[in-house]
Amino acid sequence: MRTRSRLAVLATVAGLAASFLVASPAAAAEPFSPKCEGDRVIRCVRLDVTGAGAVAIASVTDDQSDSWNYDVTVSEVELQVWRGGYWETIRQASGDAGWQVEWDRAVTSGGGCDNVFRVSAYIYWRAVGGTSTGGRMLSEGAAVNCQ
C-alpha cells in the first residue's frame, strides 16, 4: 500500500474512533467498547449511554485505498433489550441516507436503563456500481445501569 493510502486508512480509523468518544452521564455507566470487523470496509456496532439511557450506534467506513473503493450503507440499526428468553427491539433508526462514498452511521433514540441491551445492525458495502455484500452484525449483550 502506498504511504498516502496508509495515511488515509489511519485518518479514517482515527476519525471512527473519535466518533465513539461520547461522554457518559455523571452516573457510573461504564463505556462500551465497539465491536468492529473488516479490513477494507470497517464495520462497527456499539452501545452508548446518554441522558435518555442506552442508544445503539452502527457505522461503516471504506478505507479509501487506491486499489479498493466501496460505497457503504447502514440500512438499519436496532436497540434490543433482553426479555428473559428473547431479544426485543425497542428502538430503531434507518440509515435512510442511501449509499455513501466513504462513511455512514445510524443512531437510535434512548431506550432506558437498568436492563441488558445489544445492538443489531444491517451494514452493506459494494464495489462502485457492483453487487452489495454484507448483512446483520450483532454486539454482545451488556448491562446498562444509569444510576
C-alpha atoms as a PDB file:
ATOM      1  CA  MET A   1       0.000   0.000   0.000  1.00  0.00           C
ATOM      2  CA  ARG A   2       1.307   3.458  -0.797  1.00  0.00           C
ATOM      3  CA  THR A   3       2.128   5.893   2.014  1.00  0.00           C
ATOM      4  CA  ARG A   4      -0.770   8.146   1.046  1.00  0.00           C
ATOM      5  CA  SER A   5      -3.180   5.187   1.286  1.00  0.00           C
ATOM      6  CA  ARG A   6      -1.813   4.232   4.691  1.00  0.00           C
ATOM      7  CA  LEU A   7      -2.311   7.781   5.928  1.00  0.00           C
ATOM      8  CA  ALA A   8      -5.884   7.762   4.601  1.00  0.00           C
ATOM      9  CA  VAL A   9      -6.558   4.486   6.425  1.00  0.00           C
ATOM     10  CA  LEU A  10      -5.062   5.811   9.669  1.00  0.00           C
ATOM     11  CA  ALA A  11      -7.048   9.048   9.394  1.00  0.00           C
ATOM     12  CA  THR A  12     -10.257   7.107   8.770  1.00  0.00           C
ATOM     13  CA  VAL A  13      -9.663   4.776  11.724  1.00  0.00           C
ATOM     14  CA  ALA A  14      -8.807   7.743  13.959  1.00  0.00           C
ATOM     15  CA  GLY A  15     -11.988   9.513  12.859  1.00  0.00           C
ATOM     16  CA  LEU A  16     -14.028   6.388  13.521  1.00  0.00           C
ATOM     17  CA  ALA A  17     -12.520   6.024  16.989  1.00  0.00           C
ATOM     18  CA  ALA A  18     -13.254   9.687  17.728  1.00  0.00           C
ATOM     19  CA  SER A  19     -16.886   9.200  16.685  1.00  0.00           C
ATOM     20  CA  PHE A  20     -17.231   6.679  19.510  1.00  0.00           C
ATOM     21  CA  LEU A  21     -15.966   9.073  22.181  1.00  0.00           C
ATOM     22  CA  VAL A  22     -19.210  10.377  23.634  1.00  0.00           C
ATOM     23  CA  ALA A  23     -19.309  11.480  27.239  1.00  0.00           C
ATOM     24  CA  SER A  24     -21.397   9.323  29.530  1.00  0.00           C
ATOM     25  CA  PRO A  25     -23.707  10.948  32.063  1.00  0.00           C
ATOM     26  CA  ALA A  26     -22.358  11.738  35.510  1.00  0.00           C
ATOM     27  CA  ALA A  27     -23.719   8.361  36.558  1.00  0.00           C
ATOM     28  CA  ALA A  28     -21.334   5.447  36.890  1.00  0.00           C
ATOM     29  CA  ALA A  29     -22.100   3.897  33.487  1.00  0.00           C
ATOM     30  CA  GLU A  30     -19.108   2.079  32.046  1.00  0.00           C
ATOM     31  CA  PRO A  31     -18.159   2.903  28.455  1.00  0.00           C
ATOM     32  CA  PHE A  32     -18.913   0.121  25.990  1.00  0.00           C
ATOM     33  CA  SER A  33     -16.226  -0.997  23.567  1.00  0.00           C
ATOM     34  CA  PRO A  34     -17.243  -1.098  19.925  1.00  0.00           C
ATOM     35  CA  LYS A  35     -17.335  -4.439  18.125  1.00  0.00           C
ATOM     36  CA  CYS A  36     -15.590  -3.853  14.801  1.00  0.00           C
ATOM     37  CA  GLU A  37     -14.945  -6.144  11.854  1.00  0.00           C
ATOM     38  CA  GLY A  38     -13.329  -5.799   8.464  1.00  0.00           C
ATOM     39  CA  ASP A  39     -10.130  -4.676   6.847  1.00  0.00           C
ATOM     40  CA  ARG A  40     -11.013  -2.610   3.784  1.00  0.00           C
ATOM     41  CA  VAL A  41     -14.566  -1.959   4.948  1.00  0.00           C
ATOM     42  CA  ILE A  42     -14.622  -1.354   8.703  1.00  0.00           C
ATOM     43  CA  ARG A  43     -17.990  -2.127  10.306  1.00  0.00           C
ATOM     44  CA  CYS A  44     -18.737  -1.281  13.939  1.00  0.00           C
ATOM     45  CA  VAL A  45     -21.641  -1.598  16.384  1.00  0.00           C
ATOM     46  CA  ARG A  46     -21.764  -0.408  19.983  1.00  0.00           C
ATOM     47  CA  LEU A  47     -23.930   0.675  22.877  1.00  0.00           C
ATOM     48  CA  ASP A  48     -23.656   4.112  24.418  1.00  0.00           C
ATOM     49  CA  VAL A  49     -25.386   5.817  27.335  1.00  0.00           C
ATOM     50  CA  THR A  50     -26.936   9.275  27.069  1.00  0.00           C
ATOM     51  CA  GLY A  51     -29.312  11.198  29.310  1.00  0.00           C
ATOM     52  CA  ALA A  52     -32.139   9.144  27.739  1.00  0.00           C
ATOM     53  CA  GLY A  53     -30.453   5.813  28.518  1.00  0.00           C
ATOM     54  CA  ALA A  54     -28.953   3.220  26.195  1.00  0.00           C
ATOM     55  CA  VAL A  55     -28.620   4.004  22.483  1.00  0.00           C
ATOM     56  CA  ALA A  56     -27.460   1.775  19.619  1.00  0.00           C
ATOM     57  CA  ILE A  57     -24.841   3.033  17.155  1.00  0.00           C
ATOM     58  CA  ALA A  58     -23.700   1.419  13.908  1.00  0.00           C
ATOM     59  CA  SER A  59     -21.154   2.730  11.415  1.00  0.00           C
ATOM     60  CA  VAL A  60     -19.312   1.612   8.304  1.00  0.00           C
ATOM     61  CA  THR A  61     -16.191   3.140   6.728  1.00  0.00           C
ATOM     62  CA  ASP A  62     -14.468   2.475   3.404  1.00  0.00           C
ATOM     63  CA  ASP A  63     -10.702   2.687   3.932  1.00  0.00           C
ATOM     64  CA  GLN A  64     -10.336   4.544   0.588  1.00  0.00           C
ATOM     65  CA  SER A  65      -7.146   2.790  -0.500  1.00  0.00           C
ATOM     66  CA  ASP A  66      -6.065   3.305  -4.111  1.00  0.00           C
ATOM     67  CA  SER A  67      -6.932  -0.165  -5.402  1.00  0.00           C
ATOM     68  CA  TRP A  68     -10.193  -0.757  -3.477  1.00  0.00           C
ATOM     69  CA  ASN A  69     -13.103   1.626  -3.346  1.00  0.00           C
ATOM     70  CA  TYR A  70     -16.512   0.800  -1.922  1.00  0.00           C
ATOM     71  CA  ASP A  71     -19.839   2.510  -1.447  1.00  0.00           C
ATOM     72  CA  VAL A  72     -21.200   1.798   2.054  1.00  0.00           C
ATOM     73  CA  THR A  73     -24.512   1.995   3.905  1.00  0.00           C
ATOM     74  CA  VAL A  74     -26.074   1.289   7.290  1.00  0.00           C
ATOM     75  CA  SER A  75     -29.613   0.322   6.359  1.00  0.00           C
ATOM     76  CA  GLU A  76     -30.971  -0.244   9.859  1.00  0.00           C
ATOM     77  CA  VAL A  77     -29.810  -0.205  13.472  1.00  0.00           C
ATOM     78  CA  GLU A  78     -31.849  -1.591  16.366  1.00  0.00           C
ATOM     79  CA  LEU A  79     -31.563  -1.258  20.127  1.00  0.00           C
ATOM     80  CA  GLN A  80     -32.684  -4.565  21.619  1.00  0.00           C
ATOM     81  CA  VAL A  81     -33.446  -5.462  25.238  1.00  0.00           C
ATOM     82  CA  TRP A  82     -33.242  -8.946  26.802  1.00  0.00           C
ATOM     83  CA  ARG A  83     -36.691 -10.050  27.960  1.00  0.00           C
ATOM     84  CA  GLY A  84     -35.750 -13.224  29.857  1.00  0.00           C
ATOM     85  CA  GLY A  85     -35.715 -15.598  26.905  1.00  0.00           C
ATOM     86  CA  TYR A  86     -35.633 -13.431  23.788  1.00  0.00           C
ATOM     87  CA  TRP A  87     -34.297 -10.143  22.413  1.00  0.00           C
ATOM     88  CA  GLU A  88     -36.958  -7.490  21.758  1.00  0.00           C
ATOM     89  CA  THR A  89     -36.325  -4.486  19.516  1.00  0.00           C
ATOM     90  CA  ILE A  90     -37.366  -1.329  21.375  1.00  0.00           C
ATOM     91  CA  ARG A  91     -35.772   1.428  19.232  1.00  0.00           C
ATOM     92  CA  GLN A  92     -34.869   1.604  15.531  1.00  0.00           C
ATOM     93  CA  ALA A  93     -33.088   4.016  13.249  1.00  0.00           C
ATOM     94  CA  SER A  94     -32.925   3.666   9.499  1.00  0.00           C
ATOM     95  CA  GLY A  95     -29.847   4.658   7.599  1.00  0.00           C
ATOM     96  CA  ASP A  96     -32.010   6.488   5.086  1.00  0.00           C
ATOM     97  CA  ALA A  97     -29.119   8.390   3.527  1.00  0.00           C
ATOM     98  CA  GLY A  98     -28.616   5.556   0.994  1.00  0.00           C
ATOM     99  CA  TRP A  99     -25.240   4.570  -0.427  1.00  0.00           C
ATOM    100  CA  GLN A 100     -22.353   6.762   0.738  1.00  0.00           C
ATOM    101  CA  VAL A 101     -18.931   7.139  -0.851  1.00  0.00           C
ATOM    102  CA  GLU A 102     -16.877   6.717   2.318  1.00  0.00           C
ATOM    103  CA  TRP A 103     -18.799   6.573   5.630  1.00  0.00           C
ATOM    104  CA  ASP A 104     -22.290   6.031   7.021  1.00  0.00           C
ATOM    105  CA  ARG A 105     -23.749   5.887  10.537  1.00  0.00           C
ATOM    106  CA  ALA A 106     -27.113   5.452  12.261  1.00  0.00           C
ATOM    107  CA  VAL A 107     -28.043   6.025  15.932  1.00  0.00           C
ATOM    108  CA  THR A 108     -31.254   5.099  17.761  1.00  0.00           C
ATOM    109  CA  SER A 109     -33.019   7.216  20.348  1.00  0.00           C
ATOM    110  CA  GLY A 110     -32.600   6.328  24.017  1.00  0.00           C
ATOM    111  CA  GLY A 111     -34.161   3.172  25.396  1.00  0.00           C
ATOM    112  CA  GLY A 112     -33.906   3.478  29.142  1.00  0.00           C
ATOM    113  CA  CYS A 113     -31.595   1.953  31.715  1.00  0.00           C
ATOM    114  CA  ASP A 114     -31.187  -0.936  34.122  1.00  0.00           C
ATOM    115  CA  ASN A 115     -31.549  -3.679  31.512  1.00  0.00           C
ATOM    116  CA  VAL A 116     -29.347  -5.812  29.293  1.00  0.00           C
ATOM    117  CA  PHE A 117     -29.154  -4.350  25.786  1.00  0.00           C
ATOM    118  CA  ARG A 118     -27.484  -5.198  22.478  1.00  0.00           C
ATOM    119  CA  VAL A 119     -27.172  -3.668  19.023  1.00  0.00           C
ATOM    120  CA  SER A 120     -28.365  -5.280  15.807  1.00  0.00           C
ATOM    121  CA  ALA A 121     -27.434  -3.550  12.548  1.00  0.00           C
ATOM    122  CA  TYR A 122     -27.609  -4.248   8.829  1.00  0.00           C
ATOM    123  CA  ILE A 123     -24.477  -2.996   7.133  1.00  0.00           C
ATOM    124  CA  TYR A 124     -23.660  -3.322   3.424  1.00  0.00           C
ATOM    125  CA  TRP A 125     -20.891  -2.371   1.011  1.00  0.00           C
ATOM    126  CA  ARG A 126     -20.299  -2.730  -2.727  1.00  0.00           C
ATOM    127  CA  ALA A 127     -17.618  -2.017  -5.245  1.00  0.00           C
ATOM    128  CA  VAL A 128     -18.688   1.126  -7.075  1.00  0.00           C
ATOM    129  CA  GLY A 129     -21.621   0.098  -9.265  1.00  0.00           C
ATOM    130  CA  GLY A 130     -21.334  -3.562  -8.195  1.00  0.00           C
ATOM    131  CA  THR A 131     -23.422  -6.023  -6.232  1.00  0.00           C
ATOM    132  CA  SER A 132     -23.719  -5.399  -2.499  1.00  0.00           C
ATOM    133  CA  THR A 133     -22.444  -7.705   0.218  1.00  0.00           C
ATOM    134  CA  GLY A 134     -22.791  -7.607   3.970  1.00  0.00           C
ATOM    135  CA  GLY A 135     -25.630  -8.290   6.346  1.00  0.00           C
ATOM    136  CA  ARG A 136     -26.533  -8.330  10.011  1.00  0.00           C
ATOM    137  CA  MET A 137     -24.000  -7.551  12.722  1.00  0.00           C
ATOM    138  CA  LEU A 138     -24.668  -8.000  16.461  1.00  0.00           C
ATOM    139  CA  SER A 139     -22.946  -6.603  19.519  1.00  0.00           C
ATOM    140  CA  GLU A 140     -22.605  -8.597  22.708  1.00  0.00           C
ATOM    141  CA  GLY A 141     -25.292  -8.034  25.311  1.00  0.00           C
ATOM    142  CA  ALA A 142     -24.323  -5.596  28.075  1.00  0.00           C
ATOM    143  CA  ALA A 143     -25.976  -4.416  31.270  1.00  0.00           C
ATOM    144  CA  VAL A 144     -26.692  -0.681  31.257  1.00  0.00           C
ATOM    145  CA  ASN A 145     -27.139   0.970  34.640  1.00  0.00           C
ATOM    146  CA  CYS A 146     -27.641   4.732  34.705  1.00  0.00           C
ATOM    147  CA  GLN A 147     -27.703   5.321  38.460  1.00  0.00           C
END
